[in-house]
């Protein structure tokens, strides 16, 4: 492939990203001016578009719903899955602009967070592409002393930062990108400051190690990397999710997964595997409780050709 072609391709990608940012800014303007109730009408068209034309996402939704519902899903249920996703993305605009008054948010397990804050050592929140993480960060902004930041791979961080900049540039500082020379130092420093760091642990890169575990009735590869990060940093780990309950209602759940604070090196690998299994159990339980909230729109049960299996 020629250098000129690569340059042309890169320019096309930049134009597409500028277009996406412009669309986000337009949607933000419409949402904040018209209000949440009126602007939600647009979500019906967006959900219908994905149902009709997003073939891969539709296939992934059908496959996931078949697992979680334990039967073939109806077309209306696939539409509801897309609509729940669109609603969470739409609500992000309001949450990032501090419009917490628009939402009814209930919190389960807040005593766990208070204990983490009291310890002053920070913690890792192990989440998933489930519901809305922005709801969790919103609670962090509302409660004194609870500061929540995201940790993610550099490319994902760049895309998320671009999206957040289109909605509210002040939110960019809440993301710590991995893959840079000083990434671990920055993560360590933020934890030492007492921050709570969120990691979405239900996706892995092809080269990352994974543990094969039963998930919704069939073996799936659960990433080991996020839990290894917590073990190396010797921090407690909580499961978290902010599930969408319809309308303006969300429920945030915090549950204990592991505490690597005093783990011995020789016990680390076994403790990591046990914690990853506990994470998979938590995620499965919440998927079954609110089945239209997991937005992992790809074939989760197909092993990656390049992923390294953990020998356990």
C-alpha atoms as a PDB file:
ATOM      1  CA  UNK A   1       0.000   0.000   0.000  1.00  0.00           C
ATOM      2  CA  UNK A   2       1.458   3.343  -1.027  1.00  0.00           C
ATOM      3  CA  UNK A   3       2.290   6.187   1.342  1.00  0.00           C
ATOM      4  CA  UNK A   4      -0.128   8.440  -0.536  1.00  0.00           C
ATOM      5  CA  UNK A   5      -2.907   5.890  -0.048  1.00  0.00           C
ATOM      6  CA  UNK A   6      -2.122   5.660   3.673  1.00  0.00           C
ATOM      7  CA  UNK A   7      -2.144   9.440   3.897  1.00  0.00           C
ATOM      8  CA  UNK A   8      -5.486   9.547   2.104  1.00  0.00           C
ATOM      9  CA  UNK A   9      -6.872   6.849   4.377  1.00  0.00           C
ATOM     10  CA  UNK A  10      -5.657   8.687   7.496  1.00  0.00           C
ATOM     11  CA  UNK A  11      -7.317  11.878   6.275  1.00  0.00           C
ATOM     12  CA  UNK A  12     -10.574   9.961   5.715  1.00  0.00           C
ATOM     13  CA  UNK A  13     -10.394   8.645   9.298  1.00  0.00           C
ATOM     14  CA  UNK A  14      -9.766  12.166  10.611  1.00  0.00           C
ATOM     15  CA  UNK A  15     -12.719  13.472   8.622  1.00  0.00           C
ATOM     16  CA  UNK A  16     -14.912  10.695  10.003  1.00  0.00           C
ATOM     17  CA  UNK A  17     -13.810  11.489  13.582  1.00  0.00           C
ATOM     18  CA  UNK A  18     -14.479  15.195  13.059  1.00  0.00           C
ATOM     19  CA  UNK A  19     -17.923  14.238  11.693  1.00  0.00           C
ATOM     20  CA  UNK A  20     -18.634  12.075  14.751  1.00  0.00           C
ATOM     21  CA  UNK A  21     -17.562  14.888  17.083  1.00  0.00           C
ATOM     22  CA  UNK A  22     -19.761  17.344  15.204  1.00  0.00           C
ATOM     23  CA  UNK A  23     -22.715  14.953  15.498  1.00  0.00           C
ATOM     24  CA  UNK A  24     -22.111  14.573  19.225  1.00  0.00           C
ATOM     25  CA  UNK A  25     -21.982  18.335  19.668  1.00  0.00           C
ATOM     26  CA  UNK A  26     -25.203  18.705  17.701  1.00  0.00           C
ATOM     27  CA  UNK A  27     -26.896  15.971  19.745  1.00  0.00           C
ATOM     28  CA  UNK A  28     -25.635  17.614  22.933  1.00  0.00           C
ATOM     29  CA  UNK A  29     -27.043  20.980  21.855  1.00  0.00           C
ATOM     30  CA  UNK A  30     -30.418  19.442  20.949  1.00  0.00           C
ATOM     31  CA  UNK A  31     -30.589  17.430  24.173  1.00  0.00           C
ATOM     32  CA  UNK A  32     -29.722  20.320  26.464  1.00  0.00           C
ATOM     33  CA  UNK A  33     -32.013  22.771  24.668  1.00  0.00           C
ATOM     34  CA  UNK A  34     -35.051  20.553  24.117  1.00  0.00           C
ATOM     35  CA  UNK A  35     -34.744  18.603  27.324  1.00  0.00           C
ATOM     36  CA  UNK A  36     -34.457  14.900  27.998  1.00  0.00           C
ATOM     37  CA  UNK A  37     -38.103  13.970  27.349  1.00  0.00           C
ATOM     38  CA  UNK A  38     -38.352  15.491  23.864  1.00  0.00           C
ATOM     39  CA  UNK A  39     -34.883  14.504  22.698  1.00  0.00           C
ATOM     40  CA  UNK A  40     -35.510  10.867  23.704  1.00  0.00           C
ATOM     41  CA  UNK A  41     -37.897  10.603  20.748  1.00  0.00           C
ATOM     42  CA  UNK A  42     -34.827  10.472  18.505  1.00  0.00           C
ATOM     43  CA  UNK A  43     -33.719   7.270  20.273  1.00  0.00           C
ATOM     44  CA  UNK A  44     -36.560   5.290  18.717  1.00  0.00           C
ATOM     45  CA  UNK A  45     -35.254   6.050  15.236  1.00  0.00           C
ATOM     46  CA  UNK A  46     -31.667   5.281  16.231  1.00  0.00           C
ATOM     47  CA  UNK A  47     -32.675   1.938  17.748  1.00  0.00           C
ATOM     48  CA  UNK A  48     -34.736   1.030  14.666  1.00  0.00           C
ATOM     49  CA  UNK A  49     -31.817   1.932  12.398  1.00  0.00           C
ATOM     50  CA  UNK A  50     -29.476  -0.429  14.256  1.00  0.00           C
ATOM     51  CA  UNK A  51     -32.086  -3.162  14.260  1.00  0.00           C
ATOM     52  CA  UNK A  52     -32.499  -2.930  10.489  1.00  0.00           C
ATOM     53  CA  UNK A  53     -28.987  -2.149   9.239  1.00  0.00           C
ATOM     54  CA  UNK A  54     -26.363  -3.092  11.875  1.00  0.00           C
ATOM     55  CA  UNK A  55     -26.119  -6.752  10.917  1.00  0.00           C
ATOM     56  CA  UNK A  56     -23.150  -7.701  13.115  1.00  0.00           C
ATOM     57  CA  UNK A  57     -24.544  -5.913  16.180  1.00  0.00           C
ATOM     58  CA  UNK A  58     -27.959  -7.493  15.585  1.00  0.00           C
ATOM     59  CA  UNK A  59     -26.373 -10.945  15.359  1.00  0.00           C
ATOM     60  CA  UNK A  60     -24.370 -10.343  18.562  1.00  0.00           C
ATOM     61  CA  UNK A  61     -27.456  -9.072  20.383  1.00  0.00           C
ATOM     62  CA  UNK A  62     -29.473 -12.114  19.319  1.00  0.00           C
ATOM     63  CA  UNK A  63     -26.678 -14.461  20.432  1.00  0.00           C
ATOM     64  CA  UNK A  64     -26.297 -12.793  23.838  1.00  0.00           C
ATOM     65  CA  UNK A  65     -30.039 -12.645  24.468  1.00  0.00           C
ATOM     66  CA  UNK A  66     -30.344 -16.311  23.522  1.00  0.00           C
ATOM     67  CA  UNK A  67     -27.805 -17.103  26.255  1.00  0.00           C
ATOM     68  CA  UNK A  68     -29.234 -14.852  28.954  1.00  0.00           C
ATOM     69  CA  UNK A  69     -32.934 -15.539  28.273  1.00  0.00           C
ATOM     70  CA  UNK A  70     -32.292 -19.248  27.631  1.00  0.00           C
ATOM     71  CA  UNK A  71     -34.485 -19.160  24.526  1.00  0.00           C
ATOM     72  CA  UNK A  72     -34.456 -17.493  21.086  1.00  0.00           C
ATOM     73  CA  UNK A  73     -35.178 -13.769  21.552  1.00  0.00           C
ATOM     74  CA  UNK A  74     -38.068 -12.033  19.860  1.00  0.00           C
ATOM     75  CA  UNK A  75     -37.429  -9.163  17.458  1.00  0.00           C
ATOM     76  CA  UNK A  76     -38.931  -6.715  19.949  1.00  0.00           C
ATOM     77  CA  UNK A  77     -36.437  -7.855  22.568  1.00  0.00           C
ATOM     78  CA  UNK A  78     -33.500  -7.167  20.252  1.00  0.00           C
ATOM     79  CA  UNK A  79     -34.997  -3.708  19.633  1.00  0.00           C
ATOM     80  CA  UNK A  80     -35.280  -3.192  23.406  1.00  0.00           C
ATOM     81  CA  UNK A  81     -31.622  -4.157  23.780  1.00  0.00           C
ATOM     82  CA  UNK A  82     -30.574  -1.505  21.244  1.00  0.00           C
ATOM     83  CA  UNK A  83     -32.925   1.046  22.792  1.00  0.00           C
ATOM     84  CA  UNK A  84     -31.462   0.508  26.274  1.00  0.00           C
ATOM     85  CA  UNK A  85     -28.005   1.114  24.839  1.00  0.00           C
ATOM     86  CA  UNK A  86     -29.142   4.276  23.051  1.00  0.00           C
ATOM     87  CA  UNK A  87     -30.825   5.533  26.231  1.00  0.00           C
ATOM     88  CA  UNK A  88     -27.631   5.098  28.275  1.00  0.00           C
ATOM     89  CA  UNK A  89     -25.569   6.928  25.640  1.00  0.00           C
ATOM     90  CA  UNK A  90     -28.147   9.721  25.521  1.00  0.00           C
ATOM     91  CA  UNK A  91     -28.205  10.083  29.318  1.00  0.00           C
ATOM     92  CA  UNK A  92     -24.416  10.437  29.298  1.00  0.00           C
ATOM     93  CA  UNK A  93     -24.920  13.925  27.862  1.00  0.00           C
ATOM     94  CA  UNK A  94     -26.873  15.011  30.931  1.00  0.00           C
ATOM     95  CA  UNK A  95     -24.679  13.216  33.459  1.00  0.00           C
ATOM     96  CA  UNK A  96     -21.522  14.775  32.039  1.00  0.00           C
ATOM     97  CA  UNK A  97     -23.167  18.176  32.268  1.00  0.00           C
ATOM     98  CA  UNK A  98     -24.029  17.659  35.952  1.00  0.00           C
ATOM     99  CA  UNK A  99     -27.796  17.336  35.396  1.00  0.00           C
ATOM    100  CA  UNK A 100     -28.142  14.771  38.186  1.00  0.00           C
ATOM    101  CA  UNK A 101     -31.527  16.217  39.091  1.00  0.00           C
ATOM    102  CA  UNK A 102     -33.032  14.500  36.057  1.00  0.00           C
ATOM    103  CA  UNK A 103     -32.399  11.009  37.393  1.00  0.00           C
ATOM    104  CA  UNK A 104     -33.587   8.696  40.139  1.00  0.00           C
ATOM    105  CA  UNK A 105     -30.431   6.803  41.141  1.00  0.00           C
ATOM    106  CA  UNK A 106     -30.425   4.158  43.854  1.00  0.00           C
ATOM    107  CA  UNK A 107     -27.163   2.849  45.303  1.00  0.00           C
ATOM    108  CA  UNK A 108     -26.619  -0.651  46.679  1.00  0.00           C
ATOM    109  CA  UNK A 109     -23.456  -1.445  48.625  1.00  0.00           C
ATOM    110  CA  UNK A 110     -22.449   2.152  49.325  1.00  0.00           C
ATOM    111  CA  UNK A 111     -21.017   1.015  52.682  1.00  0.00           C
ATOM    112  CA  UNK A 112     -18.256  -0.731  50.725  1.00  0.00           C
ATOM    113  CA  UNK A 113     -17.254   2.539  49.054  1.00  0.00           C
ATOM    114  CA  UNK A 114     -17.321   4.372  52.368  1.00  0.00           C
ATOM    115  CA  UNK A 115     -14.969   1.747  53.827  1.00  0.00           C
ATOM    116  CA  UNK A 116     -12.605   2.223  50.884  1.00  0.00           C
ATOM    117  CA  UNK A 117     -12.604   5.986  51.387  1.00  0.00           C
ATOM    118  CA  UNK A 118     -11.949   5.562  55.102  1.00  0.00           C
ATOM    119  CA  UNK A 119      -8.896   3.406  54.378  1.00  0.00           C
ATOM    120  CA  UNK A 120      -7.365   6.113  52.170  1.00  0.00           C
ATOM    121  CA  UNK A 121      -5.671   3.540  49.913  1.00  0.00           C
ATOM    122  CA  UNK A 122      -8.003   3.738  46.923  1.00  0.00           C
ATOM    123  CA  UNK A 123      -9.509   0.741  45.163  1.00  0.00           C
ATOM    124  CA  UNK A 124     -10.225  -0.792  41.769  1.00  0.00           C
ATOM    125  CA  UNK A 125     -13.812  -0.873  40.528  1.00  0.00           C
ATOM    126  CA  UNK A 126     -14.102  -3.801  38.131  1.00  0.00           C
ATOM    127  CA  UNK A 127     -16.964  -3.038  35.772  1.00  0.00           C
ATOM    128  CA  UNK A 128     -18.234  -4.110  32.368  1.00  0.00           C
ATOM    129  CA  UNK A 129     -19.908  -2.669  29.280  1.00  0.00           C
ATOM    130  CA  UNK A 130     -23.126  -2.839  31.222  1.00  0.00           C
ATOM    131  CA  UNK A 131     -25.567  -0.015  31.777  1.00  0.00           C
ATOM    132  CA  UNK A 132     -23.838   3.306  32.352  1.00  0.00           C
ATOM    133  CA  UNK A 133     -20.514   3.919  34.037  1.00  0.00           C
ATOM    134  CA  UNK A 134     -21.298   7.637  33.889  1.00  0.00           C
ATOM    135  CA  UNK A 135     -23.929   7.051  36.586  1.00  0.00           C
ATOM    136  CA  UNK A 136     -21.210   5.701  38.874  1.00  0.00           C
ATOM    137  CA  UNK A 137     -19.002   8.700  38.161  1.00  0.00           C
ATOM    138  CA  UNK A 138     -21.975  10.970  38.800  1.00  0.00           C
ATOM    139  CA  UNK A 139     -22.327   9.534  42.294  1.00  0.00           C
ATOM    140  CA  UNK A 140     -18.610  10.153  42.715  1.00  0.00           C
ATOM    141  CA  UNK A 141     -19.110  13.821  41.909  1.00  0.00           C
ATOM    142  CA  UNK A 142     -21.985  14.081  44.362  1.00  0.00           C
ATOM    143  CA  UNK A 143     -20.326  12.434  47.368  1.00  0.00           C
ATOM    144  CA  UNK A 144     -17.478  14.359  49.039  1.00  0.00           C
ATOM    145  CA  UNK A 145     -14.213  12.434  49.010  1.00  0.00           C
ATOM    146  CA  UNK A 146     -15.253   9.950  46.322  1.00  0.00           C
ATOM    147  CA  UNK A 147     -13.254  10.645  43.178  1.00  0.00           C
ATOM    148  CA  UNK A 148     -13.593   8.164  40.345  1.00  0.00           C
ATOM    149  CA  UNK A 149     -11.311   7.891  37.299  1.00  0.00           C
ATOM    150  CA  UNK A 150     -11.288   5.438  34.394  1.00  0.00           C
ATOM    151  CA  UNK A 151      -8.303   3.313  33.345  1.00  0.00           C
ATOM    152  CA  UNK A 152      -8.316   2.009  29.760  1.00  0.00           C
ATOM    153  CA  UNK A 153      -6.101   1.220  26.791  1.00  0.00           C
ATOM    154  CA  UNK A 154      -4.617   4.244  25.061  1.00  0.00           C
ATOM    155  CA  UNK A 155      -6.580   3.934  21.800  1.00  0.00           C
ATOM    156  CA  UNK A 156      -9.872   3.550  23.659  1.00  0.00           C
ATOM    157  CA  UNK A 157      -8.931   6.472  25.903  1.00  0.00           C
ATOM    158  CA  UNK A 158      -8.272   8.648  22.852  1.00  0.00           C
ATOM    159  CA  UNK A 159     -11.662   7.817  21.349  1.00  0.00           C
ATOM    160  CA  UNK A 160     -13.489   8.308  24.630  1.00  0.00           C
ATOM    161  CA  UNK A 161     -11.691  11.598  25.261  1.00  0.00           C
ATOM    162  CA  UNK A 162     -12.720  12.833  21.809  1.00  0.00           C
ATOM    163  CA  UNK A 163     -16.324  11.912  22.549  1.00  0.00           C
ATOM    164  CA  UNK A 164     -16.239  13.502  26.002  1.00  0.00           C
ATOM    165  CA  UNK A 165     -14.690  16.671  24.598  1.00  0.00           C
ATOM    166  CA  UNK A 166     -17.707  17.025  22.320  1.00  0.00           C
ATOM    167  CA  UNK A 167     -20.011  16.783  25.349  1.00  0.00           C
ATOM    168  CA  UNK A 168     -18.039  18.340  28.214  1.00  0.00           C
ATOM    169  CA  UNK A 169     -14.254  18.931  27.962  1.00  0.00           C
ATOM    170  CA  UNK A 170     -13.943  18.984  31.756  1.00  0.00           C
ATOM    171  CA  UNK A 171     -14.609  15.229  31.858  1.00  0.00           C
ATOM    172  CA  UNK A 172     -11.382  14.382  30.014  1.00  0.00           C
ATOM    173  CA  UNK A 173      -9.273  14.559  33.154  1.00  0.00           C
ATOM    174  CA  UNK A 174     -11.132  11.521  34.569  1.00  0.00           C
ATOM    175  CA  UNK A 175      -9.388   9.065  32.185  1.00  0.00           C
ATOM    176  CA  UNK A 176      -5.938   7.497  32.635  1.00  0.00           C
ATOM    177  CA  UNK A 177      -4.652   5.825  29.437  1.00  0.00           C
ATOM    178  CA  UNK A 178      -2.665   2.583  29.629  1.00  0.00           C
ATOM    179  CA  UNK A 179       0.131   1.765  27.192  1.00  0.00           C
ATOM    180  CA  UNK A 180       2.293   4.806  27.935  1.00  0.00           C
ATOM    181  CA  UNK A 181       5.671   4.724  29.653  1.00  0.00           C
ATOM    182  CA  UNK A 182       4.366   6.393  32.793  1.00  0.00           C
ATOM    183  CA  UNK A 183       0.948   4.706  32.870  1.00  0.00           C
ATOM    184  CA  UNK A 184       1.612   2.482  35.883  1.00  0.00           C
ATOM    185  CA  UNK A 185       3.189   5.367  37.792  1.00  0.00           C
ATOM    186  CA  UNK A 186       0.129   7.516  37.118  1.00  0.00           C
ATOM    187  CA  UNK A 187      -2.223   4.745  38.205  1.00  0.00           C
ATOM    188  CA  UNK A 188      -0.205   4.167  41.372  1.00  0.00           C
ATOM    189  CA  UNK A 189      -0.127   7.881  42.140  1.00  0.00           C
ATOM    190  CA  UNK A 190      -3.881   8.310  41.725  1.00  0.00           C
ATOM    191  CA  UNK A 191      -4.549   5.336  43.990  1.00  0.00           C
ATOM    192  CA  UNK A 192      -2.181   6.746  46.605  1.00  0.00           C
ATOM    193  CA  UNK A 193      -4.254   9.935  46.472  1.00  0.00           C
ATOM    194  CA  UNK A 194      -7.285   7.859  47.483  1.00  0.00           C
ATOM    195  CA  UNK A 195      -8.966   7.757  44.070  1.00  0.00           C
ATOM    196  CA  UNK A 196     -11.203   4.898  43.004  1.00  0.00           C
ATOM    197  CA  UNK A 197     -10.220   3.628  39.543  1.00  0.00           C
ATOM    198  CA  UNK A 198     -12.740   2.021  37.204  1.00  0.00           C
ATOM    199  CA  UNK A 199     -11.768  -0.708  34.727  1.00  0.00           C
ATOM    200  CA  UNK A 200     -14.127  -2.342  32.220  1.00  0.00           C
ATOM    201  CA  UNK A 201     -13.000  -5.960  32.474  1.00  0.00           C
ATOM    202  CA  UNK A 202     -15.257  -7.804  30.024  1.00  0.00           C
ATOM    203  CA  UNK A 203     -13.152  -7.230  26.903  1.00  0.00           C
ATOM    204  CA  UNK A 204      -9.601  -8.202  26.066  1.00  0.00           C
ATOM    205  CA  UNK A 205      -7.101  -7.592  23.299  1.00  0.00           C
ATOM    206  CA  UNK A 206      -6.141 -10.613  21.184  1.00  0.00           C
ATOM    207  CA  UNK A 207      -2.697 -10.833  22.789  1.00  0.00           C
ATOM    208  CA  UNK A 208      -3.969 -10.609  26.378  1.00  0.00           C
ATOM    209  CA  UNK A 209      -4.223 -13.679  28.628  1.00  0.00           C
ATOM    210  CA  UNK A 210      -7.707 -14.910  29.441  1.00  0.00           C
ATOM    211  CA  UNK A 211      -9.310 -17.502  31.673  1.00  0.00           C
ATOM    212  CA  UNK A 212     -11.922 -19.834  30.136  1.00  0.00           C
ATOM    213  CA  UNK A 213     -14.928 -19.927  32.465  1.00  0.00           C
ATOM    214  CA  UNK A 214     -18.595 -20.911  32.165  1.00  0.00           C
ATOM    215  CA  UNK A 215     -20.656 -17.797  31.440  1.00  0.00           C
ATOM    216  CA  UNK A 216     -24.390 -17.841  30.745  1.00  0.00           C
ATOM    217  CA  UNK A 217     -24.285 -21.544  30.048  1.00  0.00           C
ATOM    218  CA  UNK A 218     -21.284 -21.714  27.742  1.00  0.00           C
ATOM    219  CA  UNK A 219     -17.489 -21.296  28.172  1.00  0.00           C
ATOM    220  CA  UNK A 220     -16.184 -17.793  27.505  1.00  0.00           C
ATOM    221  CA  UNK A 221     -12.792 -16.130  27.815  1.00  0.00           C
ATOM    222  CA  UNK A 222     -12.649 -13.656  30.705  1.00  0.00           C
ATOM    223  CA  UNK A 223      -9.636 -11.281  30.653  1.00  0.00           C
ATOM    224  CA  UNK A 224      -6.996 -11.737  33.348  1.00  0.00           C
ATOM    225  CA  UNK A 225      -5.166  -8.442  32.782  1.00  0.00           C
ATOM    226  CA  UNK A 226      -7.398  -6.087  34.829  1.00  0.00           C
ATOM    227  CA  UNK A 227      -7.315  -8.337  37.892  1.00  0.00           C
ATOM    228  CA  UNK A 228      -3.550  -8.798  37.555  1.00  0.00           C
ATOM    229  CA  UNK A 229      -3.204  -5.024  37.572  1.00  0.00           C
ATOM    230  CA  UNK A 230      -5.103  -4.849  40.859  1.00  0.00           C
ATOM    231  CA  UNK A 231      -2.990  -7.654  42.333  1.00  0.00           C
ATOM    232  CA  UNK A 232       0.301  -6.015  41.349  1.00  0.00           C
ATOM    233  CA  UNK A 233      -0.876  -2.735  42.874  1.00  0.00           C
ATOM    234  CA  UNK A 234      -2.064  -4.588  46.009  1.00  0.00           C
ATOM    235  CA  UNK A 235      -5.508  -2.982  46.145  1.00  0.00           C
ATOM    236  CA  UNK A 236      -9.007  -4.105  47.075  1.00  0.00           C
ATOM    237  CA  UNK A 237     -11.333  -4.825  44.145  1.00  0.00           C
ATOM    238  CA  UNK A 238     -15.064  -4.195  43.972  1.00  0.00           C
ATOM    239  CA  UNK A 239     -17.491  -5.224  41.255  1.00  0.00           C
ATOM    240  CA  UNK A 240     -19.576  -2.311  40.056  1.00  0.00           C
ATOM    241  CA  UNK A 241     -22.327  -1.642  37.550  1.00  0.00           C
ATOM    242  CA  UNK A 242     -24.859   1.114  36.963  1.00  0.00           C
ATOM    243  CA  UNK A 243     -27.832  -0.604  35.333  1.00  0.00           C
ATOM    244  CA  UNK A 244     -30.616   1.197  33.476  1.00  0.00           C
ATOM    245  CA  UNK A 245     -34.086   0.427  34.829  1.00  0.00           C
ATOM    246  CA  UNK A 246     -36.116   2.405  32.293  1.00  0.00           C
ATOM    247  CA  UNK A 247     -37.371   5.965  32.274  1.00  0.00           C
ATOM    248  CA  UNK A 248     -34.988   8.037  34.376  1.00  0.00           C
ATOM    249  CA  UNK A 249     -34.136   5.250  36.845  1.00  0.00           C
ATOM    250  CA  UNK A 250     -30.736   3.684  37.434  1.00  0.00           C
ATOM    251  CA  UNK A 251     -29.407   1.302  40.088  1.00  0.00           C
ATOM    252  CA  UNK A 252     -25.744   1.241  41.082  1.00  0.00           C
ATOM    253  CA  UNK A 253     -24.348  -1.937  42.615  1.00  0.00           C
ATOM    254  CA  UNK A 254     -21.058  -2.369  44.475  1.00  0.00           C
ATOM    255  CA  UNK A 255     -19.973  -5.861  45.579  1.00  0.00           C
ATOM    256  CA  UNK A 256     -16.685  -7.188  47.007  1.00  0.00           C
ATOM    257  CA  UNK A 257     -14.528  -9.297  44.663  1.00  0.00           C
ATOM    258  CA  UNK A 258     -11.043  -9.499  46.181  1.00  0.00           C
ATOM    259  CA  UNK A 259      -8.560  -7.770  48.463  1.00  0.00           C
ATOM    260  CA  UNK A 260      -4.965  -8.044  47.264  1.00  0.00           C
ATOM    261  CA  UNK A 261      -3.623  -5.655  49.928  1.00  0.00           C
ATOM    262  CA  UNK A 262      -1.730  -8.299  51.877  1.00  0.00           C
ATOM    263  CA  UNK A 263      -1.509 -11.097  49.311  1.00  0.00           C
ATOM    264  CA  UNK A 264       1.775 -12.992  49.182  1.00  0.00           C
ATOM    265  CA  UNK A 265       3.532 -13.307  45.807  1.00  0.00           C
ATOM    266  CA  UNK A 266       3.308 -17.107  45.849  1.00  0.00           C
ATOM    267  CA  UNK A 267      -0.451 -16.891  46.365  1.00  0.00           C
ATOM    268  CA  UNK A 268      -1.063 -14.211  43.724  1.00  0.00           C
ATOM    269  CA  UNK A 269      -1.884 -16.377  40.688  1.00  0.00           C
ATOM    270  CA  UNK A 270      -4.448 -18.485  42.528  1.00  0.00           C
ATOM    271  CA  UNK A 271      -6.006 -15.376  44.071  1.00  0.00           C
ATOM    272  CA  UNK A 272      -6.266 -13.730  40.643  1.00  0.00           C
ATOM    273  CA  UNK A 273      -8.021 -16.751  39.122  1.00  0.00           C
ATOM    274  CA  UNK A 274     -10.423 -16.893  42.050  1.00  0.00           C
ATOM    275  CA  UNK A 275     -11.181 -13.169  41.722  1.00  0.00           C
ATOM    276  CA  UNK A 276     -11.763 -13.443  37.949  1.00  0.00           C
ATOM    277  CA  UNK A 277     -14.179 -16.326  38.556  1.00  0.00           C
ATOM    278  CA  UNK A 278     -16.000 -14.201  41.150  1.00  0.00           C
ATOM    279  CA  UNK A 279     -16.168 -11.346  38.621  1.00  0.00           C
ATOM    280  CA  UNK A 280     -17.690 -13.643  35.985  1.00  0.00           C
ATOM    281  CA  UNK A 281     -20.272 -14.867  38.511  1.00  0.00           C
ATOM    282  CA  UNK A 282     -21.227 -11.275  39.440  1.00  0.00           C
ATOM    283  CA  UNK A 283     -21.517 -10.228  35.812  1.00  0.00           C
ATOM    284  CA  UNK A 284     -23.654 -13.253  34.955  1.00  0.00           C
ATOM    285  CA  UNK A 285     -25.978 -12.617  37.897  1.00  0.00           C
ATOM    286  CA  UNK A 286     -26.540  -8.991  36.905  1.00  0.00           C
ATOM    287  CA  UNK A 287     -27.012  -9.939  33.256  1.00  0.00           C
ATOM    288  CA  UNK A 288     -29.785 -12.309  34.245  1.00  0.00           C
ATOM    289  CA  UNK A 289     -31.357  -9.712  36.568  1.00  0.00           C
ATOM    290  CA  UNK A 290     -31.321  -6.914  33.946  1.00  0.00           C
ATOM    291  CA  UNK A 291     -30.746  -8.724  30.638  1.00  0.00           C
ATOM    292  CA  UNK A 292     -31.008  -5.706  28.323  1.00  0.00           C
ATOM    293  CA  UNK A 293     -28.133  -3.837  29.991  1.00  0.00           C
ATOM    294  CA  UNK A 294     -25.055  -5.690  28.711  1.00  0.00           C
ATOM    295  CA  UNK A 295     -23.784  -3.881  25.632  1.00  0.00           C
ATOM    296  CA  UNK A 296     -20.968  -6.163  24.465  1.00  0.00           C
ATOM    297  CA  UNK A 297     -22.045  -6.231  20.822  1.00  0.00           C
ATOM    298  CA  UNK A 298     -19.712  -8.942  19.553  1.00  0.00           C
ATOM    299  CA  UNK A 299     -19.516 -12.731  19.733  1.00  0.00           C
ATOM    300  CA  UNK A 300     -18.375 -13.110  23.338  1.00  0.00           C
ATOM    301  CA  UNK A 301     -18.348 -16.913  23.259  1.00  0.00           C
ATOM    302  CA  UNK A 302     -16.052 -17.263  20.252  1.00  0.00           C
ATOM    303  CA  UNK A 303     -12.451 -17.764  21.445  1.00  0.00           C
ATOM    304  CA  UNK A 304      -9.974 -15.277  20.018  1.00  0.00           C
ATOM    305  CA  UNK A 305      -7.506 -16.925  17.660  1.00  0.00           C
ATOM    306  CA  UNK A 306      -4.575 -15.094  19.255  1.00  0.00           C
ATOM    307  CA  UNK A 307      -5.612 -14.880  22.898  1.00  0.00           C
ATOM    308  CA  UNK A 308      -3.347 -16.690  25.338  1.00  0.00           C
ATOM    309  CA  UNK A 309      -5.261 -19.140  27.484  1.00  0.00           C
ATOM    310  CA  UNK A 310      -4.353 -19.273  31.162  1.00  0.00           C
ATOM    311  CA  UNK A 311      -3.257 -22.831  32.046  1.00  0.00           C
ATOM    312  CA  UNK A 312      -5.749 -22.910  34.932  1.00  0.00           C
END
